[in-house]
C-alpha atoms as a PDB file:
ATOM      1  CA  MET A   1     -18.217  -3.882  36.647  1.00  0.00           C
ATOM      2  CA  ILE A   2     -15.937  -4.497  33.593  1.00  0.00           C
ATOM      3  CA  ALA A   3     -13.018  -2.474  33.040  1.00  0.00           C
ATOM      4  CA  VAL A   4     -12.457  -1.493  29.475  1.00  0.00           C
ATOM      5  CA  ASP A   5      -9.014  -0.360  28.374  1.00  0.00           C
ATOM      6  CA  ILE A   6      -9.694   2.235  25.736  1.00  0.00           C
ATOM      7  CA  LEU A   7      -6.285   1.822  24.197  1.00  0.00           C
ATOM      8  CA  ARG A   8      -6.692  -1.713  23.429  1.00  0.00           C
ATOM      9  CA  TRP A   9     -10.387  -1.480  22.293  1.00  0.00           C
ATOM     10  CA  PRO A  10     -10.636  -2.326  18.576  1.00  0.00           C
ATOM     11  CA  GLY A  11     -12.687   0.913  17.625  1.00  0.00           C
ATOM     12  CA  PHE A  12      -9.651   3.100  18.715  1.00  0.00           C
ATOM     13  CA  ASN A  13      -6.769   3.817  16.372  1.00  0.00           C
ATOM     14  CA  GLN A  14      -4.236   6.388  17.741  1.00  0.00           C
ATOM     15  CA  ALA A  15      -2.751   6.878  14.492  1.00  0.00           C
ATOM     16  CA  PHE A  16      -5.893   7.652  12.627  1.00  0.00           C
ATOM     17  CA  ILE A  17      -7.285   9.934  15.455  1.00  0.00           C
ATOM     18  CA  VAL A  18      -4.198  11.973  15.734  1.00  0.00           C
ATOM     19  CA  SER A  19      -3.816  12.292  11.942  1.00  0.00           C
ATOM     20  CA  PHE A  20      -7.528  13.431  11.637  1.00  0.00           C
ATOM     21  CA  ILE A  21      -7.164  16.036  14.588  1.00  0.00           C
ATOM     22  CA  ALA A  22      -3.914  17.202  13.188  1.00  0.00           C
ATOM     23  CA  SER A  23      -5.424  17.596   9.670  1.00  0.00           C
ATOM     24  CA  LEU A  24      -8.492  19.725  11.080  1.00  0.00           C
ATOM     25  CA  ALA A  25      -6.043  21.619  13.329  1.00  0.00           C
ATOM     26  CA  MET A  26      -3.877  22.493  10.085  1.00  0.00           C
ATOM     27  CA  ILE A  27      -7.069  23.762   8.547  1.00  0.00           C
ATOM     28  CA  GLY A  28      -7.859  25.909  11.479  1.00  0.00           C
ATOM     29  CA  GLY A  29      -4.175  27.192  11.387  1.00  0.00           C
ATOM     30  CA  VAL A  30      -4.700  28.299   7.783  1.00  0.00           C
ATOM     31  CA  VAL A  31      -7.847  30.364   8.992  1.00  0.00           C
ATOM     32  CA  TRP A  32      -6.024  31.490  12.238  1.00  0.00           C
ATOM     33  CA  TYR A  33      -3.282  32.766  10.094  1.00  0.00           C
ATOM     34  CA  GLY A  34      -5.572  34.215   7.284  1.00  0.00           C
ATOM     35  CA  LYS A  35      -7.522  36.558   9.730  1.00  0.00           C
ATOM     36  CA  ARG A  36      -4.360  37.979  11.174  1.00  0.00           C
ATOM     37  CA  ARG A  37      -2.573  38.792   7.878  1.00  0.00           C
ATOM     38  CA  PRO A  38      -3.315  41.892   6.038  1.00  0.00           C
ATOM     39  CA  VAL A  39      -5.192  41.825   3.001  1.00  0.00           C
ATOM     40  CA  GLY A  40      -3.042  42.857  -0.056  1.00  0.00           C
ATOM     41  CA  LYS A  41       0.218  42.706   1.803  1.00  0.00           C
ATOM     42  CA  PRO A  42       3.049  41.435  -0.774  1.00  0.00           C
ATOM     43  CA  VAL A  43       4.381  37.839   0.080  1.00  0.00           C
ATOM     44  CA  SER A  44       8.090  37.511   0.410  1.00  0.00           C
ATOM     45  CA  TRP A  45      10.000  34.695  -0.876  1.00  0.00           C
ATOM     46  CA  GLY A  46      10.457  32.978   2.523  1.00  0.00           C
ATOM     47  CA  GLU A  47       6.809  33.475   3.371  1.00  0.00           C
ATOM     48  CA  ALA A  48       6.003  31.925   0.087  1.00  0.00           C
ATOM     49  CA  MET A  49       8.138  28.787   0.720  1.00  0.00           C
ATOM     50  CA  LEU A  50       6.954  28.609   4.175  1.00  0.00           C
ATOM     51  CA  GLY A  51       3.256  28.529   3.118  1.00  0.00           C
ATOM     52  CA  SER A  52       3.918  25.822   0.264  1.00  0.00           C
ATOM     53  CA  VAL A  53       5.502  23.752   2.561  1.00  0.00           C
ATOM     54  CA  TYR A  54       2.958  24.028   5.350  1.00  0.00           C
ATOM     55  CA  ILE A  55       0.034  23.496   2.733  1.00  0.00           C
ATOM     56  CA  PHE A  56       2.234  20.377   1.101  1.00  0.00           C
ATOM     57  CA  TRP A  57       2.395  18.793   4.531  1.00  0.00           C
ATOM     58  CA  MET A  58      -1.626  19.479   5.110  1.00  0.00           C
ATOM     59  CA  LEU A  59      -2.445  17.975   1.785  1.00  0.00           C
ATOM     60  CA  PHE A  60       0.072  14.988   2.480  1.00  0.00           C
ATOM     61  CA  LEU A  61      -1.583  14.483   5.910  1.00  0.00           C
ATOM     62  CA  THR A  62      -5.062  14.701   4.711  1.00  0.00           C
ATOM     63  CA  TYR A  63      -5.071  12.733   1.614  1.00  0.00           C
ATOM     64  CA  GLY A  64      -2.018  10.458   2.265  1.00  0.00           C
ATOM     65  CA  ILE A  65      -1.752   9.444   5.882  1.00  0.00           C
ATOM     66  CA  LEU A  66      -5.407   9.681   7.047  1.00  0.00           C
ATOM     67  CA  PRO A  67      -6.921   7.536   4.636  1.00  0.00           C
ATOM     68  CA  HIS A  68      -4.001   5.060   4.957  1.00  0.00           C
ATOM     69  CA  GLN A  69      -4.353   4.956   8.740  1.00  0.00           C
ATOM     70  CA  PHE A  70      -8.171   4.366   8.432  1.00  0.00           C
ATOM     71  CA  ILE A  71      -7.564   1.315   5.952  1.00  0.00           C
ATOM     72  CA  ASP A  72      -4.887  -0.116   8.106  1.00  0.00           C
ATOM     73  CA  HIS A  73      -7.046   0.094  11.081  1.00  0.00           C
ATOM     74  CA  ALA A  74     -10.095  -1.483   9.166  1.00  0.00           C
ATOM     75  CA  ASP A  75      -7.837  -4.309   8.076  1.00  0.00           C
ATOM     76  CA  LYS A  76      -5.805  -5.021  11.137  1.00  0.00           C
ATOM     77  CA  ASN A  77      -7.880  -3.990  14.104  1.00  0.00           C
ATOM     78  CA  LEU A  78     -11.473  -4.420  12.825  1.00  0.00           C
ATOM     79  CA  GLY A  79     -10.994  -7.211  10.341  1.00  0.00           C
ATOM     80  CA  TRP A  80     -12.795  -5.542   7.601  1.00  0.00           C
ATOM     81  CA  SER A  81     -11.401  -7.768   4.739  1.00  0.00           C
ATOM     82  CA  ARG A  82     -12.930  -9.254   1.493  1.00  0.00           C
ATOM     83  CA  ASP A  83     -13.786 -12.556   3.422  1.00  0.00           C
ATOM     84  CA  LYS A  84     -15.995 -10.956   6.099  1.00  0.00           C
ATOM     85  CA  LEU A  85     -19.537 -10.407   4.754  1.00  0.00           C
ATOM     86  CA  ILE A  86     -22.153  -8.049   5.911  1.00  0.00           C
ATOM     87  CA  PHE A  87     -25.448  -9.929   7.134  1.00  0.00           C
ATOM     88  CA  GLY A  88     -27.140  -6.848   8.575  1.00  0.00           C
ATOM     89  CA  PRO A  89     -29.138  -6.847  11.763  1.00  0.00           C
ATOM     90  CA  PHE A  90     -31.156 -10.321  12.195  1.00  0.00           C
ATOM     91  CA  GLY A  91     -29.411 -11.445   8.829  1.00  0.00           C
ATOM     92  CA  ILE A  92     -31.664  -9.206   6.576  1.00  0.00           C
ATOM     93  CA  LEU A  93     -28.833  -8.654   4.240  1.00  0.00           C
ATOM     94  CA  LYS A  94     -27.682 -12.170   4.308  1.00  0.00           C
ATOM     95  CA  PRO A  95     -26.503 -13.222   0.559  1.00  0.00           C
ATOM     96  CA  GLN A  96     -27.839 -16.132  -1.314  1.00  0.00           C
ATOM     97  CA  SER A  97     -24.473 -17.624  -1.513  1.00  0.00           C
ATOM     98  CA  ALA A  98     -24.883 -18.012   2.450  1.00  0.00           C
ATOM     99  CA  GLY A  99     -28.389 -18.894   2.470  1.00  0.00           C
ATOM    100  CA  GLY A 100     -30.149 -15.612   2.644  1.00  0.00           C
ATOM    101  CA  TRP A 101     -32.354 -13.761   0.050  1.00  0.00           C
ATOM    102  CA  ASN A 102     -30.265 -10.900  -0.934  1.00  0.00           C
ATOM    103  CA  PRO A 103     -28.723 -11.461  -4.525  1.00  0.00           C
ATOM    104  CA  VAL A 104     -25.918  -8.957  -3.683  1.00  0.00           C
ATOM    105  CA  THR A 105     -22.970 -10.300  -1.742  1.00  0.00           C
ATOM    106  CA  LEU A 106     -21.947  -7.052   0.541  1.00  0.00           C
ATOM    107  CA  GLN A 107     -18.373  -7.163   2.279  1.00  0.00           C
ATOM    108  CA  TYR A 108     -16.900  -5.130   4.711  1.00  0.00           C
ATOM    109  CA  GLU A 109     -13.978  -4.146   2.532  1.00  0.00           C
ATOM    110  CA  ALA A 110     -16.670  -1.899   0.364  1.00  0.00           C
ATOM    111  CA  VAL A 111     -17.773  -0.232   3.591  1.00  0.00           C
ATOM    112  CA  ARG A 112     -14.156   0.396   4.401  1.00  0.00           C
ATOM    113  CA  ASP A 113     -13.437   1.917   0.786  1.00  0.00           C
ATOM    114  CA  THR A 114     -16.711   3.935   1.134  1.00  0.00           C
ATOM    115  CA  ILE A 115     -15.592   5.620   4.459  1.00  0.00           C
ATOM    116  CA  VAL A 116     -12.175   6.448   2.827  1.00  0.00           C
ATOM    117  CA  VAL A 117     -13.985   8.107  -0.183  1.00  0.00           C
ATOM    118  CA  LEU A 118     -16.065  10.107   2.242  1.00  0.00           C
ATOM    119  CA  LEU A 119     -13.140  11.052   4.004  1.00  0.00           C
ATOM    120  CA  HIS A 120     -11.493  12.383   0.875  1.00  0.00           C
ATOM    121  CA  ALA A 121     -14.611  14.048  -0.370  1.00  0.00           C
ATOM    122  CA  VAL A 122     -15.078  16.075   3.204  1.00  0.00           C
ATOM    123  CA  PHE A 123     -11.537  17.151   3.063  1.00  0.00           C
ATOM    124  CA  PHE A 124     -11.826  18.104  -0.654  1.00  0.00           C
ATOM    125  CA  GLY A 125     -14.821  20.101   0.392  1.00  0.00           C
ATOM    126  CA  LEU A 126     -12.966  21.820   3.218  1.00  0.00           C
ATOM    127  CA  GLN A 127     -10.137  22.468   0.761  1.00  0.00           C
ATOM    128  CA  ILE A 128     -12.344  24.150  -1.661  1.00  0.00           C
ATOM    129  CA  TRP A 129     -14.109  26.142   1.173  1.00  0.00           C
ATOM    130  CA  LEU A 130     -10.599  27.173   2.594  1.00  0.00           C
ATOM    131  CA  ALA A 131      -9.376  28.527  -0.911  1.00  0.00           C
ATOM    132  CA  ILE A 132     -12.471  30.522  -1.353  1.00  0.00           C
ATOM    133  CA  TRP A 133     -12.351  31.784   1.920  1.00  0.00           C
ATOM    134  CA  TRP A 134      -8.906  32.978   1.504  1.00  0.00           C
ATOM    135  CA  GLN A 135      -9.511  34.570  -1.762  1.00  0.00           C
ATOM    136  CA  LYS A 136     -12.693  36.595  -0.322  1.00  0.00           C
ATOM    137  CA  ARG A 137     -11.493  37.386   3.090  1.00  0.00           C
ATOM    138  CA  GLY A 138     -10.799  40.899   2.399  1.00  0.00           C
ATOM    139  CA  ASP A 139     -14.063  41.595   0.375  1.00  0.00           C
ATOM    140  CA  LYS A 140     -16.452  43.578   2.503  1.00  0.00           C
ATOM    141  CA  VAL A 141     -19.634  44.503   0.772  1.00  0.00           C
ATOM    142  CA  VAL A 142     -20.454  48.039   1.921  1.00  0.00           C
ATOM    143  CA  LYS A 143     -23.178  49.709  -0.094  1.00  0.00           C
ATOM    144  CA  GLU A 144     -22.246  53.311  -0.664  1.00  0.00           C
ATOM    145  CA  LEU A 145     -25.090  55.896  -0.551  1.00  0.00           C
ATOM    146  CA  PRO A 146     -25.340  58.302  -3.488  1.00  0.00           C
ATOM    147  CA  THR A 147     -23.482  61.610  -2.505  1.00  0.00           C
ATOM    148  CA  SER A 148     -24.689  65.236  -3.424  1.00  0.00           C
ATOM    149  CA  THR A 149     -22.151  67.626  -5.129  1.00  0.00           C
ATOM    150  CA  TYR A 150     -20.997  68.627  -1.728  1.00  0.00           C
ATOM    151  CA  GLY A 151     -19.876  65.099  -0.801  1.00  0.00           C
ATOM    152  CA  ARG A 152     -22.567  64.347   1.792  1.00  0.00           C
ATOM    153  CA  PRO A 153     -24.764  61.139   1.542  1.00  0.00           C
ATOM    154  CA  LEU A 154     -28.236  61.585  -0.176  1.00  0.00           C
ATOM    155  CA  MET A 155     -30.886  60.045   2.031  1.00  0.00           C
ATOM    156  CA  LYS A 156     -34.278  58.889   0.863  1.00  0.00           C
ATOM    157  CA  LYS A 157     -37.307  60.566   2.211  1.00  0.00           C
ATOM    158  CA  ALA A 158     -39.684  58.182   4.321  1.00  0.00           C
END
């Protein structure tokens, strides 16, 4: 049996995992607070400052630290650099410059950058969803039945 130390495994980066979980937890914190806060309640100066600092740190963590940690992990631990070429399984993507058939030279650096762009896109989508959810959290769609002159709801006959 081979013992594997998960903390030394090249696919594991504590800083990236912690920043990813912290970003999701901060988004969850906004949803949790939004469900507790009464809709239409005025915001005090202190609440506005605290909220702006919270959102600033959430965006800084999501768009600054998280992508940096993945790029750092890919460069240092995984060795995804410009020099490392993608050959694919059984060499089906091997470039012509290395004796293969593929006219395009694919590098792991491009995969790293694509993953970072996808991280940005996912968290940007979550940010848009969060803003829309916050603005619509008090809207309840209730169809009111027409009322009679006495104030009672009118019912249609079946």
